[in-house]
Full PDB file with SEQRES, HELIX, SHEET, SSBOND, CRYST1, ORIGX, SCALE, CONECT and MASTER records, all heavy atoms in Angstrom:
SEQRES   1 A   37  GLU ALA ALA ARG LYS ALA GLY LYS ILE SER PRO ARG TYR          
SEQRES   2 A   37  LYS VAL PRO GLU ALA GLN ARG ASN ASN THR PRO GLN GLY          
SEQRES   3 A   37  ILE ALA ASN TRP LEU ALA PRO HIS ARG ALA THR                  
HELIX    1 AA1 ALA A    2  LYS A    5  1                                   4    
HELIX    2 AA2 GLU A   17  GLN A   19  5                                   3    
HELIX    3 AA3 PRO A   24  LEU A   31  1                                   8    
HELIX    4 AA4 ALA A   32  HIS A   34  5                                   3    
CRYST1    1.000    1.000    1.000  90.00  90.00  90.00 P 1           1          
ORIGX1      1.000000  0.000000  0.000000        0.00000                         
ORIGX2      0.000000  1.000000  0.000000        0.00000                         
ORIGX3      0.000000  0.000000  1.000000        0.00000                         
SCALE1      1.000000  0.000000  0.000000        0.00000                         
SCALE2      0.000000  1.000000  0.000000        0.00000                         
SCALE3      0.000000  0.000000  1.000000        0.00000                         
ATOM      1  N   GLU A   1      26.983   5.052  -6.490  1.00  0.00           N  
ATOM      2  CA  GLU A   1      28.261   5.614  -6.905  1.00  0.00           C  
ATOM      3  C   GLU A   1      29.428   4.941  -6.182  1.00  0.00           C  
ATOM      4  O   GLU A   1      30.479   4.675  -6.779  1.00  0.00           O  
ATOM      5  CB  GLU A   1      28.278   7.122  -6.653  1.00  0.00           C  
ATOM      6  CG  GLU A   1      29.548   7.835  -7.111  1.00  0.00           C  
ATOM      7  CD  GLU A   1      29.805   7.683  -8.602  1.00  0.00           C  
ATOM      8  OE1 GLU A   1      28.849   7.455  -9.372  1.00  0.00           O  
ATOM      9  OE2 GLU A   1      30.984   7.787  -9.005  1.00  0.00           O  
ATOM     10  N   ALA A   2      29.255   4.647  -4.887  1.00  0.00           N  
ATOM     11  CA  ALA A   2      30.319   3.963  -4.136  1.00  0.00           C  
ATOM     12  C   ALA A   2      30.583   2.584  -4.720  1.00  0.00           C  
ATOM     13  O   ALA A   2      31.746   2.158  -4.845  1.00  0.00           O  
ATOM     14  CB  ALA A   2      29.923   3.853  -2.666  1.00  0.00           C  
ATOM     15  N   ALA A   3      29.510   1.875  -5.095  1.00  0.00           N  
ATOM     16  CA  ALA A   3      29.676   0.549  -5.688  1.00  0.00           C  
ATOM     17  C   ALA A   3      30.336   0.641  -7.058  1.00  0.00           C  
ATOM     18  O   ALA A   3      31.173  -0.200  -7.426  1.00  0.00           O  
ATOM     19  CB  ALA A   3      28.314  -0.140  -5.788  1.00  0.00           C  
ATOM     20  N   ARG A   4      30.002   1.661  -7.817  1.00  0.00           N  
ATOM     21  CA  ARG A   4      30.627   1.839  -9.137  1.00  0.00           C  
ATOM     22  C   ARG A   4      32.124   2.115  -9.003  1.00  0.00           C  
ATOM     23  O   ARG A   4      32.946   1.556  -9.745  1.00  0.00           O  
ATOM     24  CB  ARG A   4      29.952   2.999  -9.870  1.00  0.00           C  
ATOM     25  CG  ARG A   4      28.599   2.653 -10.468  1.00  0.00           C  
ATOM     26  CD  ARG A   4      27.961   3.887 -11.071  1.00  0.00           C  
ATOM     27  NE  ARG A   4      26.680   3.593 -11.684  1.00  0.00           N  
ATOM     28  CZ  ARG A   4      25.715   4.496 -11.872  1.00  0.00           C  
ATOM     29  NH1 ARG A   4      25.908   5.754 -11.461  1.00  0.00           N  
ATOM     30  NH2 ARG A   4      24.582   4.143 -12.450  1.00  0.00           N  
ATOM     31  N   LYS A   5      32.490   2.989  -8.066  1.00  0.00           N  
ATOM     32  CA  LYS A   5      33.903   3.324  -7.871  1.00  0.00           C  
ATOM     33  C   LYS A   5      34.712   2.095  -7.484  1.00  0.00           C  
ATOM     34  O   LYS A   5      35.895   1.987  -7.825  1.00  0.00           O  
ATOM     35  CB  LYS A   5      34.041   4.399  -6.798  1.00  0.00           C  
ATOM     36  CG  LYS A   5      33.648   5.794  -7.272  1.00  0.00           C  
ATOM     37  CD  LYS A   5      33.880   6.823  -6.173  1.00  0.00           C  
ATOM     38  CE  LYS A   5      33.558   8.228  -6.658  1.00  0.00           C  
ATOM     39  NZ  LYS A   5      33.748   9.244  -5.596  1.00  0.00           N  
ATOM     40  N   ALA A   6      34.081   1.184  -6.769  1.00  0.00           N  
ATOM     41  CA  ALA A   6      34.784  -0.037  -6.348  1.00  0.00           C  
ATOM     42  C   ALA A   6      34.763  -1.110  -7.430  1.00  0.00           C  
ATOM     43  O   ALA A   6      35.346  -2.189  -7.241  1.00  0.00           O  
ATOM     44  CB  ALA A   6      34.148  -0.576  -5.069  1.00  0.00           C  
ATOM     45  N   GLY A   7      34.114  -0.825  -8.537  1.00  0.00           N  
ATOM     46  CA  GLY A   7      34.047  -1.795  -9.618  1.00  0.00           C  
ATOM     47  C   GLY A   7      33.174  -2.990  -9.322  1.00  0.00           C  
ATOM     48  O   GLY A   7      33.343  -4.069  -9.897  1.00  0.00           O  
ATOM     49  N   LYS A   8      32.189  -2.807  -8.436  1.00  0.00           N  
ATOM     50  CA  LYS A   8      31.351  -3.923  -8.007  1.00  0.00           C  
ATOM     51  C   LYS A   8      29.971  -3.937  -8.678  1.00  0.00           C  
ATOM     52  O   LYS A   8      29.151  -4.808  -8.380  1.00  0.00           O  
ATOM     53  CB  LYS A   8      31.175  -3.902  -6.487  1.00  0.00           C  
ATOM     54  CG  LYS A   8      32.473  -4.019  -5.704  1.00  0.00           C  
ATOM     55  CD  LYS A   8      33.139  -5.382  -5.889  1.00  0.00           C  
ATOM     56  CE  LYS A   8      32.475  -6.467  -5.076  1.00  0.00           C  
ATOM     57  NZ  LYS A   8      33.252  -7.734  -5.101  1.00  0.00           N  
ATOM     58  N   ILE A   9      29.722  -2.986  -9.586  1.00  0.00           N  
ATOM     59  CA  ILE A   9      28.431  -2.955 -10.260  1.00  0.00           C  
ATOM     60  C   ILE A   9      28.623  -2.317 -11.632  1.00  0.00           C  
ATOM     61  O   ILE A   9      29.523  -1.482 -11.828  1.00  0.00           O  
ATOM     62  CB  ILE A   9      27.381  -2.171  -9.426  1.00  0.00           C  
ATOM     63  CG1 ILE A   9      25.964  -2.486  -9.903  1.00  0.00           C  
ATOM     64  CG2 ILE A   9      27.659  -0.676  -9.437  1.00  0.00           C  
ATOM     65  CD1 ILE A   9      24.890  -2.022  -8.922  1.00  0.00           C  
ATOM     66  N   SER A  10      27.822  -2.731 -12.581  1.00  0.00           N  
ATOM     67  CA  SER A  10      27.937  -2.214 -13.946  1.00  0.00           C  
ATOM     68  C   SER A  10      27.753  -0.701 -13.971  1.00  0.00           C  
ATOM     69  O   SER A  10      26.844  -0.170 -13.336  1.00  0.00           O  
ATOM     70  CB  SER A  10      26.880  -2.865 -14.841  1.00  0.00           C  
ATOM     71  OG  SER A  10      26.792  -2.182 -16.084  1.00  0.00           O  
ATOM     72  N   PRO A  11      28.604   0.010 -14.706  1.00  0.00           N  
ATOM     73  CA  PRO A  11      28.448   1.467 -14.818  1.00  0.00           C  
ATOM     74  C   PRO A  11      27.112   1.870 -15.435  1.00  0.00           C  
ATOM     75  O   PRO A  11      26.659   2.995 -15.246  1.00  0.00           O  
ATOM     76  CB  PRO A  11      29.613   1.882 -15.734  1.00  0.00           C  
ATOM     77  CG  PRO A  11      30.585   0.761 -15.659  1.00  0.00           C  
ATOM     78  CD  PRO A  11      29.795  -0.483 -15.435  1.00  0.00           C  
ATOM     79  N   ARG A  12      26.484   0.951 -16.156  1.00  0.00           N  
ATOM     80  CA  ARG A  12      25.225   1.267 -16.831  1.00  0.00           C  
ATOM     81  C   ARG A  12      23.997   0.998 -15.971  1.00  0.00           C  
ATOM     82  O   ARG A  12      22.881   1.323 -16.369  1.00  0.00           O  
ATOM     83  CB  ARG A  12      25.119   0.454 -18.121  1.00  0.00           C  
ATOM     84  CG  ARG A  12      26.194   0.791 -19.153  1.00  0.00           C  
ATOM     85  CD  ARG A  12      26.002   0.005 -20.430  1.00  0.00           C  
ATOM     86  NE  ARG A  12      26.096  -1.440 -20.198  1.00  0.00           N  
ATOM     87  CZ  ARG A  12      27.244  -2.108 -20.144  1.00  0.00           C  
ATOM     88  NH1 ARG A  12      28.402  -1.462 -20.284  1.00  0.00           N  
ATOM     89  NH2 ARG A  12      27.264  -3.404 -19.941  1.00  0.00           N  
ATOM     90  N   TYR A  13      24.199   0.397 -14.794  1.00  0.00           N  
ATOM     91  CA  TYR A  13      23.033   0.019 -13.978  1.00  0.00           C  
ATOM     92  C   TYR A  13      22.315   1.235 -13.419  1.00  0.00           C  
ATOM     93  O   TYR A  13      22.942   2.194 -12.958  1.00  0.00           O  
ATOM     94  CB  TYR A  13      23.459  -0.882 -12.805  1.00  0.00           C  
ATOM     95  CG  TYR A  13      22.289  -1.258 -11.920  1.00  0.00           C  
ATOM     96  CD1 TYR A  13      21.357  -2.201 -12.321  1.00  0.00           C  
ATOM     97  CD2 TYR A  13      22.101  -0.632 -10.690  1.00  0.00           C  
ATOM     98  CE1 TYR A  13      20.271  -2.528 -11.535  1.00  0.00           C  
ATOM     99  CE2 TYR A  13      21.015  -0.952  -9.883  1.00  0.00           C  
ATOM    100  CZ  TYR A  13      20.101  -1.891 -10.311  1.00  0.00           C  
ATOM    101  OH  TYR A  13      19.017  -2.199  -9.524  1.00  0.00           O  
ATOM    102  N   LYS A  14      20.982   1.184 -13.463  1.00  0.00           N  
ATOM    103  CA  LYS A  14      20.139   2.224 -12.873  1.00  0.00           C  
ATOM    104  C   LYS A  14      19.129   1.577 -11.926  1.00  0.00           C  
ATOM    105  O   LYS A  14      18.638   0.477 -12.195  1.00  0.00           O  
ATOM    106  CB  LYS A  14      19.396   3.002 -13.972  1.00  0.00           C  
ATOM    107  CG  LYS A  14      20.300   3.814 -14.882  1.00  0.00           C  
ATOM    108  CD  LYS A  14      19.470   4.592 -15.903  1.00  0.00           C  
ATOM    109  CE  LYS A  14      20.389   5.418 -16.804  1.00  0.00           C  
ATOM    110  NZ  LYS A  14      19.606   6.194 -17.818  1.00  0.00           N  
ATOM    111  N   VAL A  15      18.837   2.263 -10.849  1.00  0.00           N  
ATOM    112  CA  VAL A  15      17.845   1.755  -9.899  1.00  0.00           C  
ATOM    113  C   VAL A  15      16.481   1.763 -10.578  1.00  0.00           C  
ATOM    114  O   VAL A  15      16.075   2.784 -11.152  1.00  0.00           O  
ATOM    115  CB  VAL A  15      17.804   2.630  -8.627  1.00  0.00           C  
ATOM    116  CG1 VAL A  15      16.758   2.099  -7.656  1.00  0.00           C  
ATOM    117  CG2 VAL A  15      19.181   2.660  -7.966  1.00  0.00           C  
ATOM    118  N   PRO A  16      15.762   0.623 -10.564  1.00  0.00           N  
ATOM    119  CA  PRO A  16      14.440   0.583 -11.198  1.00  0.00           C  
ATOM    120  C   PRO A  16      13.494   1.637 -10.621  1.00  0.00           C  
ATOM    121  O   PRO A  16      13.553   1.966  -9.436  1.00  0.00           O  
ATOM    122  CB  PRO A  16      13.951  -0.834 -10.877  1.00  0.00           C  
ATOM    123  CG  PRO A  16      15.190  -1.620 -10.635  1.00  0.00           C  
ATOM    124  CD  PRO A  16      16.160  -0.672  -9.998  1.00  0.00           C  
ATOM    125  N   GLU A  17      12.627   2.161 -11.482  1.00  0.00           N  
ATOM    126  CA  GLU A  17      11.696   3.205 -11.066  1.00  0.00           C  
ATOM    127  C   GLU A  17      10.811   2.761  -9.911  1.00  0.00           C  
ATOM    128  O   GLU A  17      10.414   3.568  -9.074  1.00  0.00           O  
ATOM    129  CB  GLU A  17      10.840   3.650 -12.250  1.00  0.00           C  
ATOM    130  CG  GLU A  17      11.567   4.534 -13.235  1.00  0.00           C  
ATOM    131  CD  GLU A  17      12.141   5.778 -12.572  1.00  0.00           C  
ATOM    132  OE1 GLU A  17      11.409   6.434 -11.808  1.00  0.00           O  
ATOM    133  OE2 GLU A  17      13.328   6.084 -12.805  1.00  0.00           O  
ATOM    134  N   ALA A  18      10.470   1.460  -9.865  1.00  0.00           N  
ATOM    135  CA  ALA A  18       9.600   0.957  -8.787  1.00  0.00           C  
ATOM    136  C   ALA A  18      10.222   1.124  -7.415  1.00  0.00           C  
ATOM    137  O   ALA A  18       9.517   1.138  -6.401  1.00  0.00           O  
ATOM    138  CB  ALA A  18       9.273  -0.515  -9.031  1.00  0.00           C  
ATOM    139  N   GLN A  19      11.569   1.249  -7.373  1.00  0.00           N  
ATOM    140  CA  GLN A  19      12.265   1.411  -6.093  1.00  0.00           C  
ATOM    141  C   GLN A  19      12.823   2.822  -5.926  1.00  0.00           C  
ATOM    142  O   GLN A  19      13.614   3.074  -5.025  1.00  0.00           O  
ATOM    143  CB  GLN A  19      13.400   0.399  -5.990  1.00  0.00           C  
ATOM    144  CG  GLN A  19      12.975  -0.979  -5.523  1.00  0.00           C  
ATOM    145  CD  GLN A  19      13.032  -2.005  -6.638  1.00  0.00           C  
ATOM    146  OE1 GLN A  19      13.754  -1.842  -7.609  1.00  0.00           O  
ATOM    147  NE2 GLN A  19      12.248  -3.064  -6.491  1.00  0.00           N  
ATOM    148  N   ARG A  20      12.380   3.744  -6.755  1.00  0.00           N  
ATOM    149  CA  ARG A  20      12.898   5.107  -6.705  1.00  0.00           C  
ATOM    150  C   ARG A  20      12.077   6.028  -5.809  1.00  0.00           C  
ATOM    151  O   ARG A  20      12.405   7.199  -5.660  1.00  0.00           O  
ATOM    152  CB  ARG A  20      12.947   5.701  -8.118  1.00  0.00           C  
ATOM    153  CG  ARG A  20      14.247   5.440  -8.855  1.00  0.00           C  
ATOM    154  CD  ARG A  20      15.395   6.084  -8.122  1.00  0.00           C  
ATOM    155  NE  ARG A  20      16.615   6.186  -8.916  1.00  0.00           N  
ATOM    156  CZ  ARG A  20      17.728   6.725  -8.471  1.00  0.00           C  
ATOM    157  NH1 ARG A  20      17.788   7.208  -7.230  1.00  0.00           N  
ATOM    158  NH2 ARG A  20      18.797   6.793  -9.214  1.00  0.00           N  
ATOM    159  N   ASN A  21      11.038   5.501  -5.211  1.00  0.00           N  
ATOM    160  CA  ASN A  21      10.177   6.328  -4.357  1.00  0.00           C  
ATOM    161  C   ASN A  21      10.131   5.789  -2.931  1.00  0.00           C  
ATOM    162  O   ASN A  21       9.075   5.756  -2.301  1.00  0.00           O  
ATOM    163  CB  ASN A  21       8.769   6.406  -4.947  1.00  0.00           C  
ATOM    164  CG  ASN A  21       8.767   7.091  -6.303  1.00  0.00           C  
ATOM    165  OD1 ASN A  21       9.197   8.240  -6.423  1.00  0.00           O  
ATOM    166  ND2 ASN A  21       8.311   6.379  -7.324  1.00  0.00           N  
ATOM    167  N   ASN A  22      11.285   5.353  -2.452  1.00  0.00           N  
ATOM    168  CA  ASN A  22      11.400   4.848  -1.080  1.00  0.00           C  
ATOM    169  C   ASN A  22      11.537   6.028  -0.124  1.00  0.00           C  
ATOM    170  O   ASN A  22      12.644   6.477   0.178  1.00  0.00           O  
ATOM    171  CB  ASN A  22      12.609   3.929  -0.943  1.00  0.00           C  
ATOM    172  CG  ASN A  22      12.460   2.639  -1.713  1.00  0.00           C  
ATOM    173  OD1 ASN A  22      11.394   2.350  -2.266  1.00  0.00           O  
ATOM    174  ND2 ASN A  22      13.517   1.839  -1.766  1.00  0.00           N  
ATOM    175  N   THR A  23      10.424   6.555   0.336  1.00  0.00           N  
ATOM    176  CA  THR A  23      10.449   7.725   1.212  1.00  0.00           C  
ATOM    177  C   THR A  23       9.624   7.478   2.455  1.00  0.00           C  
ATOM    178  O   THR A  23       8.639   6.726   2.421  1.00  0.00           O  
ATOM    179  CB  THR A  23       9.876   8.954   0.483  1.00  0.00           C  
ATOM    180  OG1 THR A  23       8.482   8.736   0.212  1.00  0.00           O  
ATOM    181  CG2 THR A  23      10.612   9.233  -0.813  1.00  0.00           C  
ATOM    182  N   PRO A  24       9.981   8.105   3.572  1.00  0.00           N  
ATOM    183  CA  PRO A  24       9.167   7.980   4.790  1.00  0.00           C  
ATOM    184  C   PRO A  24       7.724   8.426   4.568  1.00  0.00           C  
ATOM    185  O   PRO A  24       6.794   7.813   5.114  1.00  0.00           O  
ATOM    186  CB  PRO A  24       9.890   8.891   5.787  1.00  0.00           C  
ATOM    187  CG  PRO A  24      11.296   8.942   5.311  1.00  0.00           C  
ATOM    188  CD  PRO A  24      11.215   8.884   3.812  1.00  0.00           C  
ATOM    189  N   GLN A  25       7.527   9.460   3.773  1.00  0.00           N  
ATOM    190  CA  GLN A  25       6.167   9.931   3.539  1.00  0.00           C  
ATOM    191  C   GLN A  25       5.340   8.905   2.776  1.00  0.00           C  
ATOM    192  O   GLN A  25       4.154   8.715   3.043  1.00  0.00           O  
ATOM    193  CB  GLN A  25       6.176  11.258   2.766  1.00  0.00           C  
ATOM    194  CG  GLN A  25       4.826  11.968   2.745  1.00  0.00           C  
ATOM    195  CD  GLN A  25       4.321  12.275   4.137  1.00  0.00           C  
ATOM    196  OE1 GLN A  25       5.019  12.880   4.947  1.00  0.00           O  
ATOM    197  NE2 GLN A  25       3.104  11.838   4.446  1.00  0.00           N  
ATOM    198  N   GLY A  26       5.990   8.209   1.835  1.00  0.00           N  
ATOM    199  CA  GLY A  26       5.276   7.157   1.106  1.00  0.00           C  
ATOM    200  C   GLY A  26       4.821   6.044   2.030  1.00  0.00           C  
ATOM    201  O   GLY A  26       3.694   5.535   1.906  1.00  0.00           O  
ATOM    202  N   ILE A  27       5.682   5.657   2.978  1.00  0.00           N  
ATOM    203  CA  ILE A  27       5.311   4.619   3.953  1.00  0.00           C  
ATOM    204  C   ILE A  27       4.209   5.131   4.869  1.00  0.00           C  
ATOM    205  O   ILE A  27       3.234   4.423   5.169  1.00  0.00           O  
ATOM    206  CB  ILE A  27       6.551   4.174   4.761  1.00  0.00           C  
ATOM    207  CG1 ILE A  27       7.594   3.537   3.842  1.00  0.00           C  
ATOM    208  CG2 ILE A  27       6.148   3.224   5.881  1.00  0.00           C  
ATOM    209  CD1 ILE A  27       7.144   2.274   3.151  1.00  0.00           C  
ATOM    210  N   ALA A  28       4.340   6.384   5.309  1.00  0.00           N  
ATOM    211  CA  ALA A  28       3.321   6.965   6.203  1.00  0.00           C  
ATOM    212  C   ALA A  28       1.958   7.012   5.515  1.00  0.00           C  
ATOM    213  O   ALA A  28       0.930   6.679   6.129  1.00  0.00           O  
ATOM    214  CB  ALA A  28       3.753   8.356   6.646  1.00  0.00           C  
ATOM    215  N   ASN A  29       1.933   7.413   4.256  1.00  0.00           N  
ATOM    216  CA  ASN A  29       0.663   7.484   3.526  1.00  0.00           C  
ATOM    217  C   ASN A  29       0.041   6.097   3.360  1.00  0.00           C  
ATOM    218  O   ASN A  29      -1.182   5.944   3.411  1.00  0.00           O  
ATOM    219  CB  ASN A  29       0.883   8.110   2.152  1.00  0.00           C  
ATOM    220  CG  ASN A  29       1.259   9.580   2.238  1.00  0.00           C  
ATOM    221  OD1 ASN A  29       1.061  10.219   3.262  1.00  0.00           O  
ATOM    222  ND2 ASN A  29       1.830  10.111   1.166  1.00  0.00           N  
ATOM    223  N   TRP A  30       0.887   5.109   3.133  1.00  0.00           N  
ATOM    224  CA  TRP A  30       0.415   3.726   2.973  1.00  0.00           C  
ATOM    225  C   TRP A  30      -0.255   3.211   4.250  1.00  0.00           C  
ATOM    226  O   TRP A  30      -1.330   2.610   4.215  1.00  0.00           O  
ATOM    227  CB  TRP A  30       1.604   2.850   2.577  1.00  0.00           C  
ATOM    228  CG  TRP A  30       1.346   1.371   2.520  1.00  0.00           C  
ATOM    229  CD1 TRP A  30       0.216   0.739   2.097  1.00  0.00           C  
ATOM    230  CD2 TRP A  30       2.271   0.332   2.886  1.00  0.00           C  
ATOM    231  NE1 TRP A  30       0.376  -0.630   2.163  1.00  0.00           N  
ATOM    232  CE2 TRP A  30       1.620  -0.896   2.639  1.00  0.00           C  
ATOM    233  CE3 TRP A  30       3.582   0.331   3.361  1.00  0.00           C  
ATOM    234  CZ2 TRP A  30       2.256  -2.133   2.878  1.00  0.00           C  
ATOM    235  CZ3 TRP A  30       4.198  -0.890   3.587  1.00  0.00           C  
ATOM    236  CH2 TRP A  30       3.542  -2.110   3.356  1.00  0.00           C  
ATOM    237  N   LEU A  31       0.382   3.478   5.383  1.00  0.00           N  
ATOM    238  CA  LEU A  31      -0.085   2.894   6.636  1.00  0.00           C  
ATOM    239  C   LEU A  31      -1.140   3.724   7.360  1.00  0.00           C  
ATOM    240  O   LEU A  31      -1.873   3.203   8.209  1.00  0.00           O  
ATOM    241  CB  LEU A  31       1.114   2.675   7.575  1.00  0.00           C  
ATOM    242  CG  LEU A  31       2.264   1.813   7.045  1.00  0.00           C  
ATOM    243  CD1 LEU A  31       3.310   1.615   8.131  1.00  0.00           C  
ATOM    244  CD2 LEU A  31       1.768   0.465   6.535  1.00  0.00           C  
ATOM    245  N   ALA A  32      -1.225   5.028   7.042  1.00  0.00           N  
ATOM    246  CA  ALA A  32      -2.085   5.945   7.797  1.00  0.00           C  
ATOM    247  C   ALA A  32      -3.516   5.447   7.974  1.00  0.00           C  
ATOM    248  O   ALA A  32      -4.067   5.521   9.083  1.00  0.00           O  
ATOM    249  CB  ALA A  32      -2.070   7.327   7.147  1.00  0.00           C  
ATOM    250  N   PRO A  33      -4.197   4.919   6.942  1.00  0.00           N  
ATOM    251  CA  PRO A  33      -5.594   4.487   7.137  1.00  0.00           C  
ATOM    252  C   PRO A  33      -5.757   3.323   8.106  1.00  0.00           C  
ATOM    253  O   PRO A  33      -6.875   3.040   8.546  1.00  0.00           O  
ATOM    254  CB  PRO A  33      -6.027   4.077   5.718  1.00  0.00           C  
ATOM    255  CG  PRO A  33      -5.066   4.748   4.794  1.00  0.00           C  
ATOM    256  CD  PRO A  33      -3.774   4.786   5.535  1.00  0.00           C  
ATOM    257  N   HIS A  34      -4.642   2.654   8.451  1.00  0.00           N  
ATOM    258  CA  HIS A  34      -4.720   1.438   9.265  1.00  0.00           C  
ATOM    259  C   HIS A  34      -4.065   1.598  10.641  1.00  0.00           C  
ATOM    260  O   HIS A  34      -4.047   0.649  11.425  1.00  0.00           O  
ATOM    261  CB  HIS A  34      -4.044   0.284   8.512  1.00  0.00           C  
ATOM    262  CG  HIS A  34      -4.479   0.161   7.095  1.00  0.00           C  
ATOM    263  ND1 HIS A  34      -5.647  -0.474   6.730  1.00  0.00           N  
ATOM    264  CD2 HIS A  34      -3.911   0.622   5.942  1.00  0.00           C  
ATOM    265  CE1 HIS A  34      -5.785  -0.416   5.407  1.00  0.00           C  
ATOM    266  NE2 HIS A  34      -4.745   0.246   4.911  1.00  0.00           N  
ATOM    267  N   ARG A  35      -3.523   2.780  10.917  1.00  0.00           N  
ATOM    268  CA  ARG A  35      -2.756   2.966  12.153  1.00  0.00           C  
ATOM    269  C   ARG A  35      -3.617   2.852  13.402  1.00  0.00           C  
ATOM    270  O   ARG A  35      -3.153   2.378  14.440  1.00  0.00           O  
ATOM    271  CB  ARG A  35      -2.029   4.317  12.137  1.00  0.00           C  
ATOM    272  CG  ARG A  35      -0.798   4.367  11.279  1.00  0.00           C  
ATOM    273  CD  ARG A  35       0.288   3.413  11.776  1.00  0.00           C  
ATOM    274  NE  ARG A  35       1.373   4.073  12.444  1.00  0.00           N  
ATOM    275  CZ  ARG A  35       1.955   3.670  13.556  1.00  0.00           C  
ATOM    276  NH1 ARG A  35       1.540   2.590  14.166  1.00  0.00           N  
ATOM    277  NH2 ARG A  35       2.941   4.323  14.088  1.00  0.00           N  
ATOM    278  N   ALA A  36      -4.846   3.257  13.332  1.00  0.00           N  
ATOM    279  CA  ALA A  36      -5.700   3.229  14.523  1.00  0.00           C  
ATOM    280  C   ALA A  36      -6.318   1.858  14.765  1.00  0.00           C  
ATOM    281  O   ALA A  36      -6.873   1.602  15.841  1.00  0.00           O  
ATOM    282  CB  ALA A  36      -6.796   4.277  14.404  1.00  0.00           C  
ATOM    283  N   THR A  37      -6.211   0.964  13.784  1.00  0.00           N  
ATOM    284  CA  THR A  37      -6.887  -0.333  13.902  1.00  0.00           C  
ATOM    285  C   THR A  37      -5.897  -1.490  13.849  1.00  0.00           C  
ATOM    286  O   THR A  37      -5.568  -2.099  14.867  1.00  0.00           O  
ATOM    287  CB  THR A  37      -7.940  -0.474  12.794  1.00  0.00           C  
ATOM    288  OG1 THR A  37      -7.310  -0.213  11.512  1.00  0.00           O  
ATOM    289  CG2 THR A  37      -9.083   0.523  12.995  1.00  0.00           C  
TER     290      THR A  37                                                      
MASTER        0    0    0    4    0    0    0    6  289    1    0    3          
END                                                                             
């Protein structure tokens, strides 16, 4: 929204779904099986 207000990005742009799940829990789940090794 900040980029849109500044006119620096297309009003129609949407963040791709592949990057919509950037969460600490997602990273923790990914790394958990390997943390001890």
